[in-house]
Protein backbone atom coordinates (compact mmCIF):
# COMPACT_ATOMS: atom_id res chain seq x y z
CA MET A 1 81.51 86.82 85.55
CA ALA A 2 85.13 86.92 84.39
CA GLU A 3 88.45 86.75 86.18
CA VAL A 4 90.30 90.01 85.50
CA LEU A 5 93.93 90.92 86.14
CA ILE A 6 94.79 94.60 86.55
CA ALA A 7 98.48 95.53 86.39
CA ASP A 8 99.16 99.24 86.89
CA ASP A 9 101.74 101.10 88.95
CA ASP A 10 99.21 103.83 89.79
CA PRO A 11 97.17 102.68 92.82
CA ASP A 12 94.36 105.14 92.04
CA ILE A 13 93.88 103.73 88.54
CA ARG A 14 94.02 100.14 89.84
CA GLY A 15 91.48 100.93 92.54
CA LEU A 16 89.10 102.70 90.18
CA LEU A 17 89.18 99.88 87.62
CA ALA A 18 88.87 97.21 90.31
CA SER A 19 85.89 98.91 91.98
CA TYR A 20 84.09 99.32 88.67
CA LEU A 21 84.69 95.74 87.53
CA GLN A 22 83.81 94.25 90.93
CA GLY A 23 80.60 96.26 90.85
CA LEU A 24 79.76 94.48 87.60
CA GLY A 25 80.32 91.13 89.33
CA HIS A 26 83.80 90.28 88.08
CA GLU A 27 86.56 88.74 90.18
CA VAL A 28 89.56 91.09 90.16
CA ALA A 29 93.24 90.61 91.05
CA GLU A 30 95.42 93.71 91.29
CA VAL A 31 99.20 94.01 90.98
CA ALA A 32 101.51 97.03 90.84
CA ASP A 33 103.99 95.94 88.16
CA GLY A 34 104.77 93.54 85.35
CA ASN A 35 106.93 91.26 87.49
CA SER A 36 104.04 90.69 89.90
CA ALA A 37 101.69 90.13 86.96
CA LEU A 38 104.00 87.46 85.53
CA LYS A 39 104.24 85.71 88.91
CA LEU A 40 100.47 85.68 89.25
CA LEU A 41 100.00 84.51 85.66
CA GLY A 42 102.26 81.58 86.49
CA THR A 43 99.73 80.34 89.04
CA ARG A 44 96.35 81.56 87.75
CA ARG A 45 94.49 82.07 84.48
CA PHE A 46 92.48 85.17 83.68
CA LYS A 47 89.87 85.84 81.01
CA ILE A 48 90.94 89.50 80.77
CA ALA A 49 94.18 91.33 81.57
CA LEU A 50 94.33 95.13 81.75
CA LEU A 51 98.01 96.05 81.58
CA ASP A 52 99.53 99.50 81.88
CA VAL A 53 101.94 100.02 79.00
CA VAL A 54 104.26 102.28 81.03
CA MET A 55 105.40 100.60 84.27
CA PRO A 56 108.82 100.39 85.88
CA ARG A 57 110.97 97.32 85.24
CA VAL A 58 108.61 95.09 83.20
CA ASN A 59 105.99 97.08 81.28
CA GLY A 60 102.65 95.87 79.91
CA ILE A 61 104.00 95.00 76.46
CA GLU A 62 106.87 92.97 77.94
CA THR A 63 104.36 91.21 80.21
CA ILE A 64 102.36 90.10 77.18
CA ILE A 65 105.48 88.89 75.40
CA GLU A 66 106.64 86.89 78.44
CA THR A 67 103.35 84.98 78.81
């Protein structure tokens, strides 16, 4: 089991990915943007991060650079 962070501004995509990964037994945290991902990454560690490249404000690439 892995801890997975999903950051995507599309709630349908987040939900689909989360459902699939939870069904495989992974622990999943979902956020809607890069700012929320950075806040969560400041308090928790994840084995895997799935980041949308195109998000408002802070995108997935900027999120990687900031961590």
